């Protein structure tokens, strides 16, 4: 990407505020892919890229009722934003930061899948 990692991070954080919807998830995947290549925080952005890609894939299964969409995205925005804030401030990302996000996503995806026909 031609933007600096700081600009890409700002774009990612802005996109995150728009919510976890199909088109936006695809944009989040692209942002994370670029940041995984262009920043020193490879693992967090690789994890987020894959998390957003899986969420997008799950939403491609068909129309999703609002309650089921909530099942998929609940409790993710805040810990992701907190981690991105740490990155913006050049702080270390801990295993616990990533573990919370991945654990929450896995739980959400499992609940989401259980509601699929």
PDB file of N, CA and C in Angstrom:
ATOM      1  N   UNK A   1       0.840  -1.183   0.000  1.00  0.00           N
ATOM      2  CA  UNK A   1       0.000   0.000   0.000  1.00  0.00           C
ATOM      3  C   UNK A   1       0.880   1.239   0.000  1.00  0.00           C
ATOM      4  N   UNK A   2       0.383   2.299  -0.545  1.00  0.00           N
ATOM      5  CA  UNK A   2       1.180   3.511  -0.647  1.00  0.00           C
ATOM      6  C   UNK A   2       1.097   4.355   0.615  1.00  0.00           C
ATOM      7  N   UNK A   3       0.101   4.160   1.440  1.00  0.00           N
ATOM      8  CA  UNK A   3      -0.027   4.933   2.670  1.00  0.00           C
ATOM      9  C   UNK A   3       0.952   4.429   3.709  1.00  0.00           C
ATOM     10  N   UNK A   4       1.352   5.319   4.614  1.00  0.00           N
ATOM     11  CA  UNK A   4       2.225   4.915   5.713  1.00  0.00           C
ATOM     12  C   UNK A   4       1.447   4.019   6.670  1.00  0.00           C
ATOM     13  N   UNK A   5       2.165   3.208   7.464  1.00  0.00           N
ATOM     14  CA  UNK A   5       1.454   2.380   8.448  1.00  0.00           C
ATOM     15  C   UNK A   5       0.554   3.195   9.381  1.00  0.00           C
ATOM     16  N   UNK A   6       0.963   4.400   9.746  1.00  0.00           N
ATOM     17  CA  UNK A   6       0.117   5.230  10.611  1.00  0.00           C
ATOM     18  C   UNK A   6      -1.184   5.622   9.920  1.00  0.00           C
ATOM     19  N   UNK A   7      -1.105   5.946   8.635  1.00  0.00           N
ATOM     20  CA  UNK A   7      -2.310   6.280   7.879  1.00  0.00           C
ATOM     21  C   UNK A   7      -3.190   5.052   7.706  1.00  0.00           C
ATOM     22  N   UNK A   8      -2.569   3.909   7.446  1.00  0.00           N
ATOM     23  CA  UNK A   8      -3.321   2.669   7.305  1.00  0.00           C
ATOM     24  C   UNK A   8      -4.017   2.304   8.613  1.00  0.00           C
ATOM     25  N   UNK A   9      -3.311   2.508   9.729  1.00  0.00           N
ATOM     26  CA  UNK A   9      -3.896   2.214  11.036  1.00  0.00           C
ATOM     27  C   UNK A   9      -5.084   3.129  11.312  1.00  0.00           C
ATOM     28  N   UNK A  10      -4.961   4.406  10.984  1.00  0.00           N
ATOM     29  CA  UNK A  10      -6.070   5.344  11.166  1.00  0.00           C
ATOM     30  C   UNK A  10      -7.261   4.927  10.307  1.00  0.00           C
ATOM     31  N   UNK A  11      -6.993   4.486   9.084  1.00  0.00           N
ATOM     32  CA  UNK A  11      -8.061   4.020   8.189  1.00  0.00           C
ATOM     33  C   UNK A  11      -8.725   2.770   8.760  1.00  0.00           C
ATOM     34  N   UNK A  12      -7.921   1.854   9.303  1.00  0.00           N
ATOM     35  CA  UNK A  12      -8.464   0.641   9.907  1.00  0.00           C
ATOM     36  C   UNK A  12      -9.364   0.980  11.082  1.00  0.00           C
ATOM     37  N   UNK A  13      -8.920   1.890  11.930  1.00  0.00           N
ATOM     38  CA  UNK A  13      -9.713   2.261  13.105  1.00  0.00           C
ATOM     39  C   UNK A  13     -11.006   2.947  12.684  1.00  0.00           C
ATOM     40  N   UNK A  14     -10.958   3.760  11.639  1.00  0.00           N
ATOM     41  CA  UNK A  14     -12.178   4.391  11.131  1.00  0.00           C
ATOM     42  C   UNK A  14     -13.136   3.347  10.570  1.00  0.00           C
ATOM     43  N   UNK A  15     -12.603   2.396   9.829  1.00  0.00           N
ATOM     44  CA  UNK A  15     -13.440   1.328   9.265  1.00  0.00           C
ATOM     45  C   UNK A  15     -14.046   0.483  10.368  1.00  0.00           C
ATOM     46  N   UNK A  16     -13.301   0.234  11.419  1.00  0.00           N
ATOM     47  CA  UNK A  16     -13.791  -0.562  12.541  1.00  0.00           C
ATOM     48  C   UNK A  16     -15.023   0.083  13.170  1.00  0.00           C
ATOM     49  N   UNK A  17     -15.027   1.408  13.224  1.00  0.00           N
ATOM     50  CA  UNK A  17     -16.159   2.131  13.821  1.00  0.00           C
ATOM     51  C   UNK A  17     -17.442   1.984  12.995  1.00  0.00           C
ATOM     52  N   UNK A  18     -17.304   1.641  11.722  1.00  0.00           N
ATOM     53  CA  UNK A  18     -18.480   1.486  10.853  1.00  0.00           C
ATOM     54  C   UNK A  18     -19.235   0.197  11.126  1.00  0.00           C
ATOM     55  N   UNK A  19     -18.596  -0.745  11.787  1.00  0.00           N
ATOM     56  CA  UNK A  19     -19.270  -1.987  12.137  1.00  0.00           C
ATOM     57  C   UNK A  19     -18.817  -3.165  11.309  1.00  0.00           C
ATOM     58  N   UNK A  20     -19.255  -4.326  11.744  1.00  0.00           N
ATOM     59  CA  UNK A  20     -18.868  -5.585  11.118  1.00  0.00           C
ATOM     60  C   UNK A  20     -19.940  -6.037  10.133  1.00  0.00           C
ATOM     61  N   UNK A  21     -19.952  -5.413   8.965  1.00  0.00           N
ATOM     62  CA  UNK A  21     -20.876  -5.764   7.903  1.00  0.00           C
ATOM     63  C   UNK A  21     -20.074  -6.216   6.699  1.00  0.00           C
ATOM     64  N   UNK A  22     -20.676  -6.992   5.840  1.00  0.00           N
ATOM     65  CA  UNK A  22     -19.992  -7.659   4.738  1.00  0.00           C
ATOM     66  C   UNK A  22     -18.983  -6.758   4.017  1.00  0.00           C
ATOM     67  N   UNK A  23     -19.432  -5.651   3.478  1.00  0.00           N
ATOM     68  CA  UNK A  23     -18.548  -4.790   2.701  1.00  0.00           C
ATOM     69  C   UNK A  23     -17.429  -4.225   3.568  1.00  0.00           C
ATOM     70  N   UNK A  24     -17.772  -3.863   4.780  1.00  0.00           N
ATOM     71  CA  UNK A  24     -16.778  -3.288   5.674  1.00  0.00           C
ATOM     72  C   UNK A  24     -15.771  -4.348   6.123  1.00  0.00           C
ATOM     73  N   UNK A  25     -16.227  -5.564   6.330  1.00  0.00           N
ATOM     74  CA  UNK A  25     -15.301  -6.640   6.712  1.00  0.00           C
ATOM     75  C   UNK A  25     -14.266  -6.860   5.611  1.00  0.00           C
ATOM     76  N   UNK A  26     -14.687  -6.802   4.371  1.00  0.00           N
ATOM     77  CA  UNK A  26     -13.747  -6.958   3.258  1.00  0.00           C
ATOM     78  C   UNK A  26     -12.725  -5.820   3.260  1.00  0.00           C
ATOM     79  N   UNK A  27     -13.155  -4.615   3.601  1.00  0.00           N
ATOM     80  CA  UNK A  27     -12.238  -3.479   3.710  1.00  0.00           C
ATOM     81  C   UNK A  27     -11.280  -3.684   4.889  1.00  0.00           C
ATOM     82  N   UNK A  28     -11.784  -4.192   5.999  1.00  0.00           N
ATOM     83  CA  UNK A  28     -10.933  -4.463   7.161  1.00  0.00           C
ATOM     84  C   UNK A  28      -9.876  -5.516   6.838  1.00  0.00           C
ATOM     85  N   UNK A  29     -10.254  -6.537   6.073  1.00  0.00           N
ATOM     86  CA  UNK A  29      -9.293  -7.566   5.649  1.00  0.00           C
ATOM     87  C   UNK A  29      -8.170  -6.928   4.835  1.00  0.00           C
ATOM     88  N   UNK A  30      -8.527  -6.071   3.897  1.00  0.00           N
ATOM     89  CA  UNK A  30      -7.525  -5.414   3.056  1.00  0.00           C
ATOM     90  C   UNK A  30      -6.600  -4.528   3.891  1.00  0.00           C
ATOM     91  N   UNK A  31      -7.167  -3.776   4.824  1.00  0.00           N
ATOM     92  CA  UNK A  31      -6.357  -2.915   5.697  1.00  0.00           C
ATOM     93  C   UNK A  31      -5.370  -3.746   6.516  1.00  0.00           C
ATOM     94  N   UNK A  32      -5.864  -4.820   7.105  1.00  0.00           N
ATOM     95  CA  UNK A  32      -5.013  -5.667   7.951  1.00  0.00           C
ATOM     96  C   UNK A  32      -3.936  -6.359   7.133  1.00  0.00           C
ATOM     97  N   UNK A  33      -4.269  -6.753   5.926  1.00  0.00           N
ATOM     98  CA  UNK A  33      -3.291  -7.389   5.058  1.00  0.00           C
ATOM     99  C   UNK A  33      -2.127  -6.438   4.781  1.00  0.00           C
ATOM    100  N   UNK A  34      -2.454  -5.198   4.463  1.00  0.00           N
ATOM    101  CA  UNK A  34      -1.415  -4.199   4.221  1.00  0.00           C
ATOM    102  C   UNK A  34      -0.587  -3.920   5.463  1.00  0.00           C
ATOM    103  N   UNK A  35      -1.261  -3.793   6.595  1.00  0.00           N
ATOM    104  CA  UNK A  35      -0.545  -3.508   7.841  1.00  0.00           C
ATOM    105  C   UNK A  35       0.334  -4.677   8.277  1.00  0.00           C
ATOM    106  N   UNK A  36      -0.092  -5.900   8.025  1.00  0.00           N
ATOM    107  CA  UNK A  36       0.730  -7.066   8.366  1.00  0.00           C
ATOM    108  C   UNK A  36       2.040  -7.041   7.576  1.00  0.00           C
ATOM    109  N   UNK A  37       1.997  -6.470   6.396  1.00  0.00           N
ATOM    110  CA  UNK A  37       3.194  -6.394   5.552  1.00  0.00           C
ATOM    111  C   UNK A  37       4.023  -5.146   5.823  1.00  0.00           C
ATOM    112  N   UNK A  38       3.365  -4.061   6.240  1.00  0.00           N
ATOM    113  CA  UNK A  38       4.043  -2.767   6.321  1.00  0.00           C
ATOM    114  C   UNK A  38       4.406  -2.306   7.725  1.00  0.00           C
ATOM    115  N   UNK A  39       3.938  -3.001   8.754  1.00  0.00           N
ATOM    116  CA  UNK A  39       4.222  -2.544  10.110  1.00  0.00           C
ATOM    117  C   UNK A  39       5.029  -3.600  10.852  1.00  0.00           C
ATOM    118  N   UNK A  40       5.495  -3.242  12.027  1.00  0.00           N
ATOM    119  CA  UNK A  40       6.247  -4.200  12.844  1.00  0.00           C
ATOM    120  C   UNK A  40       5.321  -5.094  13.663  1.00  0.00           C
ATOM    121  N   UNK A  41       4.018  -4.865  13.592  1.00  0.00           N
ATOM    122  CA  UNK A  41       3.026  -5.653  14.331  1.00  0.00           C
ATOM    123  C   UNK A  41       2.412  -6.712  13.411  1.00  0.00           C
ATOM    124  N   UNK A  42       3.219  -7.623  12.948  1.00  0.00           N
ATOM    125  CA  UNK A  42       2.783  -8.619  11.974  1.00  0.00           C
ATOM    126  C   UNK A  42       1.692  -9.524  12.548  1.00  0.00           C
ATOM    127  N   UNK A  43       1.931 -10.112  13.711  1.00  0.00           N
ATOM    128  CA  UNK A  43       1.000 -11.091  14.259  1.00  0.00           C
ATOM    129  C   UNK A  43      -0.387 -10.512  14.550  1.00  0.00           C
ATOM    130  N   UNK A  44      -0.498  -9.365  15.223  1.00  0.00           N
ATOM    131  CA  UNK A  44      -1.847  -8.837  15.469  1.00  0.00           C
ATOM    132  C   UNK A  44      -2.636  -8.585  14.187  1.00  0.00           C
ATOM    133  N   UNK A  45      -1.982  -8.057  13.169  1.00  0.00           N
ATOM    134  CA  UNK A  45      -2.712  -7.762  11.936  1.00  0.00           C
ATOM    135  C   UNK A  45      -3.008  -9.025  11.142  1.00  0.00           C
ATOM    136  N   UNK A  46      -2.134 -10.007  11.220  1.00  0.00           N
ATOM    137  CA  UNK A  46      -2.414 -11.298  10.586  1.00  0.00           C
ATOM    138  C   UNK A  46      -3.624 -11.955  11.251  1.00  0.00           C
ATOM    139  N   UNK A  47      -3.664 -11.914  12.574  1.00  0.00           N
ATOM    140  CA  UNK A  47      -4.795 -12.490  13.309  1.00  0.00           C
ATOM    141  C   UNK A  47      -6.083 -11.758  12.952  1.00  0.00           C
ATOM    142  N   UNK A  48      -6.054 -10.431  12.974  1.00  0.00           N
ATOM    143  CA  UNK A  48      -7.260  -9.655  12.647  1.00  0.00           C
ATOM    144  C   UNK A  48      -7.707  -9.897  11.211  1.00  0.00           C
ATOM    145  N   UNK A  49      -6.761  -9.972  10.292  1.00  0.00           N
ATOM    146  CA  UNK A  49      -7.112 -10.231   8.885  1.00  0.00           C
ATOM    147  C   UNK A  49      -7.888 -11.539   8.776  1.00  0.00           C
ATOM    148  N   UNK A  50      -7.390 -12.572   9.418  1.00  0.00           N
ATOM    149  CA  UNK A  50      -8.047 -13.873   9.341  1.00  0.00           C
ATOM    150  C   UNK A  50      -9.380 -13.884  10.079  1.00  0.00           C
ATOM    151  N   UNK A  51      -9.463 -13.201  11.177  1.00  0.00           N
ATOM    152  CA  UNK A  51     -10.714 -13.089  11.928  1.00  0.00           C
ATOM    153  C   UNK A  51     -11.773 -12.386  11.083  1.00  0.00           C
ATOM    154  N   UNK A  52     -11.422 -11.250  10.484  1.00  0.00           N
ATOM    155  CA  UNK A  52     -12.375 -10.512   9.653  1.00  0.00           C
ATOM    156  C   UNK A  52     -12.757 -11.316   8.410  1.00  0.00           C
ATOM    157  N   UNK A  53     -11.802 -12.033   7.831  1.00  0.00           N
ATOM    158  CA  UNK A  53     -12.099 -12.860   6.654  1.00  0.00           C
ATOM    159  C   UNK A  53     -13.069 -13.978   7.015  1.00  0.00           C
ATOM    160  N   UNK A  54     -12.881 -14.588   8.182  1.00  0.00           N
ATOM    161  CA  UNK A  54     -13.802 -15.653   8.586  1.00  0.00           C
ATOM    162  C   UNK A  54     -15.191 -15.088   8.857  1.00  0.00           C
ATOM    163  N   UNK A  55     -15.266 -13.929   9.493  1.00  0.00           N
ATOM    164  CA  UNK A  55     -16.564 -13.304   9.729  1.00  0.00           C
ATOM    165  C   UNK A  55     -17.256 -13.014   8.401  1.00  0.00           C
ATOM    166  N   UNK A  56     -16.514 -12.495   7.445  1.00  0.00           N
ATOM    167  CA  UNK A  56     -17.075 -12.195   6.130  1.00  0.00           C
ATOM    168  C   UNK A  56     -17.579 -13.462   5.468  1.00  0.00           C
ATOM    169  N   UNK A  57     -16.803 -14.518   5.558  1.00  0.00           N
ATOM    170  CA  UNK A  57     -17.196 -15.798   4.975  1.00  0.00           C
ATOM    171  C   UNK A  57     -18.478 -16.330   5.614  1.00  0.00           C
ATOM    172  N   UNK A  58     -18.589 -16.200   6.915  1.00  0.00           N
ATOM    173  CA  UNK A  58     -19.803 -16.652   7.596  1.00  0.00           C
ATOM    174  C   UNK A  58     -21.025 -15.847   7.158  1.00  0.00           C
ATOM    175  N   UNK A  59     -20.845 -14.563   6.956  1.00  0.00           N
ATOM    176  CA  UNK A  59     -21.968 -13.726   6.536  1.00  0.00           C
ATOM    177  C   UNK A  59     -22.365 -13.980   5.085  1.00  0.00           C
ATOM    178  N   UNK A  60     -21.457 -14.564   4.296  1.00  0.00           N
ATOM    179  CA  UNK A  60     -21.768 -14.888   2.905  1.00  0.00           C
ATOM    180  C   UNK A  60     -22.691 -16.095   2.785  1.00  0.00           C
ATOM    181  N   UNK A  61     -22.949 -16.777   3.888  1.00  0.00           N
ATOM    182  CA  UNK A  61     -23.786 -17.968   3.849  1.00  0.00           C
ATOM    183  C   UNK A  61     -25.241 -17.649   3.489  1.00  0.00           C
ATOM    184  N   UNK A  62     -25.624 -16.409   3.601  1.00  0.00           N
ATOM    185  CA  UNK A  62     -26.989 -16.025   3.255  1.00  0.00           C
ATOM    186  C   UNK A  62     -27.487 -14.926   4.157  1.00  0.00           C
ATOM    187  N   UNK A  63     -28.738 -14.535   3.978  1.00  0.00           N
ATOM    188  CA  UNK A  63     -29.309 -13.475   4.813  1.00  0.00           C
ATOM    189  C   UNK A  63     -29.170 -13.827   6.297  1.00  0.00           C
ATOM    190  N   UNK A  64     -28.783 -12.837   7.062  1.00  0.00           N
ATOM    191  CA  UNK A  64     -28.553 -13.048   8.489  1.00  0.00           C
ATOM    192  C   UNK A  64     -29.505 -12.167   9.290  1.00  0.00           C
ATOM    193  N   UNK A  65     -30.349 -12.769  10.118  1.00  0.00           N
ATOM    194  CA  UNK A  65     -31.217 -11.966  10.987  1.00  0.00           C
ATOM    195  C   UNK A  65     -30.365 -11.112  11.938  1.00  0.00           C
ATOM    196  N   UNK A  66     -30.853  -9.946  12.313  1.00  0.00           N
ATOM    197  CA  UNK A  66     -30.086  -9.070  13.197  1.00  0.00           C
ATOM    198  C   UNK A  66     -29.585  -9.748  14.473  1.00  0.00           C
ATOM    199  N   UNK A  67     -30.414 -10.587  15.079  1.00  0.00           N
ATOM    200  CA  UNK A  67     -29.982 -11.239  16.321  1.00  0.00           C
ATOM    201  C   UNK A  67     -28.813 -12.187  16.062  1.00  0.00           C
ATOM    202  N   UNK A  68     -28.819 -12.840  14.929  1.00  0.00           N
ATOM    203  CA  UNK A  68     -27.726 -13.755  14.599  1.00  0.00           C
ATOM    204  C   UNK A  68     -26.459 -12.973  14.249  1.00  0.00           C
ATOM    205  N   UNK A  69     -26.616 -11.833  13.589  1.00  0.00           N
ATOM    206  CA  UNK A  69     -25.467 -10.965  13.301  1.00  0.00           C
ATOM    207  C   UNK A  69     -24.831 -10.511  14.613  1.00  0.00           C
ATOM    208  N   UNK A  70     -25.669 -10.156  15.575  1.00  0.00           N
ATOM    209  CA  UNK A  70     -25.174  -9.743  16.888  1.00  0.00           C
ATOM    210  C   UNK A  70     -24.399 -10.877  17.546  1.00  0.00           C
ATOM    211  N   UNK A  71     -24.877 -12.108  17.396  1.00  0.00           N
ATOM    212  CA  UNK A  71     -24.155 -13.264  17.938  1.00  0.00           C
ATOM    213  C   UNK A  71     -22.734 -13.319  17.388  1.00  0.00           C
ATOM    214  N   UNK A  72     -22.568 -13.016  16.109  1.00  0.00           N
ATOM    215  CA  UNK A  72     -21.266 -13.119  15.454  1.00  0.00           C
ATOM    216  C   UNK A  72     -20.304 -12.008  15.875  1.00  0.00           C
ATOM    217  N   UNK A  73     -20.814 -10.825  16.154  1.00  0.00           N
ATOM    218  CA  UNK A  73     -19.929  -9.675  16.351  1.00  0.00           C
ATOM    219  C   UNK A  73     -19.826  -9.192  17.800  1.00  0.00           C
ATOM    220  N   UNK A  74     -20.609  -9.777  18.699  1.00  0.00           N
ATOM    221  CA  UNK A  74     -20.662  -9.247  20.058  1.00  0.00           C
ATOM    222  C   UNK A  74     -19.309  -9.318  20.764  1.00  0.00           C
ATOM    223  N   UNK A  75     -19.037  -8.296  21.519  1.00  0.00           N
ATOM    224  CA  UNK A  75     -17.866  -8.198  22.400  1.00  0.00           C
ATOM    225  C   UNK A  75     -16.528  -8.178  21.669  1.00  0.00           C
ATOM    226  N   UNK A  76     -16.505  -7.835  20.388  1.00  0.00           N
ATOM    227  CA  UNK A  76     -15.248  -7.797  19.653  1.00  0.00           C
ATOM    228  C   UNK A  76     -14.698  -6.390  19.428  1.00  0.00           C
ATOM    229  N   UNK A  77     -15.554  -5.426  19.181  1.00  0.00           N
ATOM    230  CA  UNK A  77     -15.081  -4.089  18.796  1.00  0.00           C
ATOM    231  C   UNK A  77     -14.189  -3.463  19.862  1.00  0.00           C
ATOM    232  N   UNK A  78     -14.591  -3.549  21.113  1.00  0.00           N
ATOM    233  CA  UNK A  78     -13.817  -2.881  22.161  1.00  0.00           C
ATOM    234  C   UNK A  78     -12.416  -3.473  22.343  1.00  0.00           C
ATOM    235  N   UNK A  79     -12.270  -4.801  22.492  1.00  0.00           N
ATOM    236  CA  UNK A  79     -10.903  -5.309  22.652  1.00  0.00           C
ATOM    237  C   UNK A  79     -10.032  -5.086  21.409  1.00  0.00           C
ATOM    238  N   UNK A  80     -10.635  -5.114  20.225  1.00  0.00           N
ATOM    239  CA  UNK A  80      -9.856  -4.826  19.018  1.00  0.00           C
ATOM    240  C   UNK A  80      -9.406  -3.380  19.034  1.00  0.00           C
ATOM    241  N   UNK A  81     -10.314  -2.472  19.369  1.00  0.00           N
ATOM    242  CA  UNK A  81      -9.954  -1.054  19.417  1.00  0.00           C
ATOM    243  C   UNK A  81      -8.881  -0.789  20.471  1.00  0.00           C
ATOM    244  N   UNK A  82      -8.986  -1.438  21.622  1.00  0.00           N
ATOM    245  CA  UNK A  82      -7.962  -1.260  22.662  1.00  0.00           C
ATOM    246  C   UNK A  82      -6.598  -1.746  22.175  1.00  0.00           C
ATOM    247  N   UNK A  83      -6.581  -2.857  21.463  1.00  0.00           N
ATOM    248  CA  UNK A  83      -5.322  -3.349  20.925  1.00  0.00           C
ATOM    249  C   UNK A  83      -4.770  -2.386  19.873  1.00  0.00           C
ATOM    250  N   UNK A  84      -5.641  -1.862  19.020  1.00  0.00           N
ATOM    251  CA  UNK A  84      -5.196  -0.909  18.007  1.00  0.00           C
ATOM    252  C   UNK A  84      -4.682   0.383  18.644  1.00  0.00           C
ATOM    253  N   UNK A  85      -5.266   0.762  19.773  1.00  0.00           N
ATOM    254  CA  UNK A  85      -4.780   1.932  20.512  1.00  0.00           C
ATOM    255  C   UNK A  85      -3.363   1.680  21.011  1.00  0.00           C
ATOM    256  N   UNK A  86      -3.114   0.484  21.528  1.00  0.00           N
ATOM    257  CA  UNK A  86      -1.756   0.132  21.957  1.00  0.00           C
ATOM    258  C   UNK A  86      -0.778   0.210  20.788  1.00  0.00           C
ATOM    259  N   UNK A  87      -1.194  -0.304  19.659  1.00  0.00           N
ATOM    260  CA  UNK A  87      -0.334  -0.263  18.477  1.00  0.00           C
ATOM    261  C   UNK A  87      -0.063   1.180  18.072  1.00  0.00           C
ATOM    262  N   UNK A  88      -1.095   2.010  18.087  1.00  0.00           N
ATOM    263  CA  UNK A  88      -0.927   3.422  17.724  1.00  0.00           C
ATOM    264  C   UNK A  88       0.058   4.123  18.651  1.00  0.00           C
ATOM    265  N   UNK A  89       0.128   3.656  19.893  1.00  0.00           N
ATOM    266  CA  UNK A  89       1.042   4.244  20.883  1.00  0.00           C
ATOM    267  C   UNK A  89       2.357   3.479  20.992  1.00  0.00           C
ATOM    268  N   UNK A  90       2.618   2.592  20.035  1.00  0.00           N
ATOM    269  CA  UNK A  90       3.842   1.791  20.001  1.00  0.00           C
ATOM    270  C   UNK A  90       4.076   0.987  21.274  1.00  0.00           C
ATOM    271  N   UNK A  91       2.978   0.480  21.846  1.00  0.00           N
ATOM    272  CA  UNK A  91       3.087  -0.363  23.027  1.00  0.00           C
ATOM    273  C   UNK A  91       3.120  -1.823  22.602  1.00  0.00           C
ATOM    274  N   UNK A  92       3.627  -2.656  23.482  1.00  0.00           N
ATOM    275  CA  UNK A  92       3.667  -4.089  23.212  1.00  0.00           C
ATOM    276  C   UNK A  92       2.254  -4.669  23.262  1.00  0.00           C
ATOM    277  N   UNK A  93       2.026  -5.643  22.403  1.00  0.00           N
ATOM    278  CA  UNK A  93       0.775  -6.394  22.403  1.00  0.00           C
ATOM    279  C   UNK A  93       1.063  -7.703  23.121  1.00  0.00           C
ATOM    280  N   UNK A  94       0.246  -8.021  24.091  1.00  0.00           N
ATOM    281  CA  UNK A  94       0.470  -9.246  24.862  1.00  0.00           C
ATOM    282  C   UNK A  94      -0.306 -10.415  24.263  1.00  0.00           C
ATOM    283  N   UNK A  95       0.099 -11.599  24.678  1.00  0.00           N
ATOM    284  CA  UNK A  95      -0.634 -12.805  24.314  1.00  0.00           C
ATOM    285  C   UNK A  95      -2.081 -12.670  24.779  1.00  0.00           C
ATOM    286  N   UNK A  96      -2.286 -12.111  25.962  1.00  0.00           N
ATOM    287  CA  UNK A  96      -3.637 -11.966  26.513  1.00  0.00           C
ATOM    288  C   UNK A  96      -4.513 -11.076  25.627  1.00  0.00           C
ATOM    289  N   UNK A  97      -3.923 -10.042  25.025  1.00  0.00           N
ATOM    290  CA  UNK A  97      -4.686  -9.162  24.121  1.00  0.00           C
ATOM    291  C   UNK A  97      -5.231  -9.964  22.939  1.00  0.00           C
ATOM    292  N   UNK A  98      -4.355 -10.720  22.313  1.00  0.00           N
ATOM    293  CA  UNK A  98      -4.764 -11.529  21.159  1.00  0.00           C
ATOM    294  C   UNK A  98      -5.669 -12.669  21.572  1.00  0.00           C
ATOM    295  N   UNK A  99      -5.360 -13.304  22.692  1.00  0.00           N
ATOM    296  CA  UNK A  99      -6.147 -14.439  23.157  1.00  0.00           C
ATOM    297  C   UNK A  99      -7.600 -14.041  23.412  1.00  0.00           C
ATOM    298  N   UNK A 100      -7.819 -12.900  24.033  1.00  0.00           N
ATOM    299  CA  UNK A 100      -9.185 -12.435  24.302  1.00  0.00           C
ATOM    300  C   UNK A 100      -9.968 -12.261  23.008  1.00  0.00           C
ATOM    301  N   UNK A 101      -9.338 -11.658  22.018  1.00  0.00           N
ATOM    302  CA  UNK A 101     -10.007 -11.404  20.743  1.00  0.00           C
ATOM    303  C   UNK A 101     -10.313 -12.718  20.024  1.00  0.00           C
ATOM    304  N   UNK A 102      -9.332 -13.602  19.957  1.00  0.00           N
ATOM    305  CA  UNK A 102      -9.531 -14.871  19.255  1.00  0.00           C
ATOM    306  C   UNK A 102     -10.540 -15.738  19.993  1.00  0.00           C
ATOM    307  N   UNK A 103     -10.433 -15.804  21.308  1.00  0.00           N
ATOM    308  CA  UNK A 103     -11.368 -16.612  22.103  1.00  0.00           C
ATOM    309  C   UNK A 103     -12.804 -16.115  21.910  1.00  0.00           C
ATOM    310  N   UNK A 104     -12.992 -14.798  21.934  1.00  0.00           N
ATOM    311  CA  UNK A 104     -14.323 -14.214  21.745  1.00  0.00           C
ATOM    312  C   UNK A 104     -14.845 -14.529  20.350  1.00  0.00           C
ATOM    313  N   UNK A 105     -13.989 -14.378  19.357  1.00  0.00           N
ATOM    314  CA  UNK A 105     -14.408 -14.678  17.979  1.00  0.00           C
ATOM    315  C   UNK A 105     -14.805 -16.147  17.827  1.00  0.00           C
ATOM    316  N   UNK A 106     -14.009 -17.048  18.374  1.00  0.00           N
ATOM    317  CA  UNK A 106     -14.324 -18.478  18.250  1.00  0.00           C
ATOM    318  C   UNK A 106     -15.653 -18.816  18.912  1.00  0.00           C
ATOM    319  N   UNK A 107     -15.899 -18.221  20.064  1.00  0.00           N
ATOM    320  CA  UNK A 107     -17.186 -18.429  20.736  1.00  0.00           C
ATOM    321  C   UNK A 107     -18.322 -17.888  19.882  1.00  0.00           C
ATOM    322  N   UNK A 108     -18.148 -16.654  19.385  1.00  0.00           N
ATOM    323  CA  UNK A 108     -19.182 -16.020  18.568  1.00  0.00           C
ATOM    324  C   UNK A 108     -19.462 -16.824  17.299  1.00  0.00           C
ATOM    325  N   UNK A 109     -18.406 -17.273  16.634  1.00  0.00           N
ATOM    326  CA  UNK A 109     -18.573 -18.038  15.391  1.00  0.00           C
ATOM    327  C   UNK A 109     -19.302 -19.347  15.661  1.00  0.00           C
ATOM    328  N   UNK A 110     -18.995 -19.969  16.792  1.00  0.00           N
ATOM    329  CA  UNK A 110     -19.666 -21.216  17.150  1.00  0.00           C
ATOM    330  C   UNK A 110     -21.161 -20.984  17.394  1.00  0.00           C
ATOM    331  N   UNK A 111     -21.483 -19.931  18.111  1.00  0.00           N
ATOM    332  CA  UNK A 111     -22.895 -19.600  18.362  1.00  0.00           C
ATOM    333  C   UNK A 111     -23.590 -19.265  17.048  1.00  0.00           C
ATOM    334  N   UNK A 112     -22.917 -18.508  16.198  1.00  0.00           N
ATOM    335  CA  UNK A 112     -23.474 -18.125  14.889  1.00  0.00           C
ATOM    336  C   UNK A 112     -23.770 -19.371  14.065  1.00  0.00           C
ATOM    337  N   UNK A 113     -22.798 -20.284  13.984  1.00  0.00           N
ATOM    338  CA  UNK A 113     -22.981 -21.509  13.193  1.00  0.00           C
ATOM    339  C   UNK A 113     -24.119 -22.369  13.742  1.00  0.00           C
ATOM    340  N   UNK A 114     -24.280 -22.381  15.047  1.00  0.00           N
ATOM    341  CA  UNK A 114     -25.338 -23.201  15.643  1.00  0.00           C
ATOM    342  C   UNK A 114     -26.732 -22.688  15.259  1.00  0.00           C
ATOM    343  N   UNK A 115     -26.822 -21.417  14.874  1.00  0.00           N
ATOM    344  CA  UNK A 115     -28.102 -20.850  14.465  1.00  0.00           C
ATOM    345  C   UNK A 115     -28.373 -20.977  12.982  1.00  0.00           C
ATOM    346  N   UNK A 116     -27.411 -21.528  12.231  1.00  0.00           N
ATOM    347  CA  UNK A 116     -27.587 -21.717  10.787  1.00  0.00           C
ATOM    348  C   UNK A 116     -28.456 -22.945  10.518  1.00  0.00           C
ATOM    349  N   UNK A 117     -29.281 -22.883   9.478  1.00  0.00           N
ATOM    350  CA  UNK A 117     -30.123 -24.043   9.152  1.00  0.00           C
ATOM    351  C   UNK A 117     -29.292 -25.218   8.662  1.00  0.00           C
TER     352      UNK A 117
END
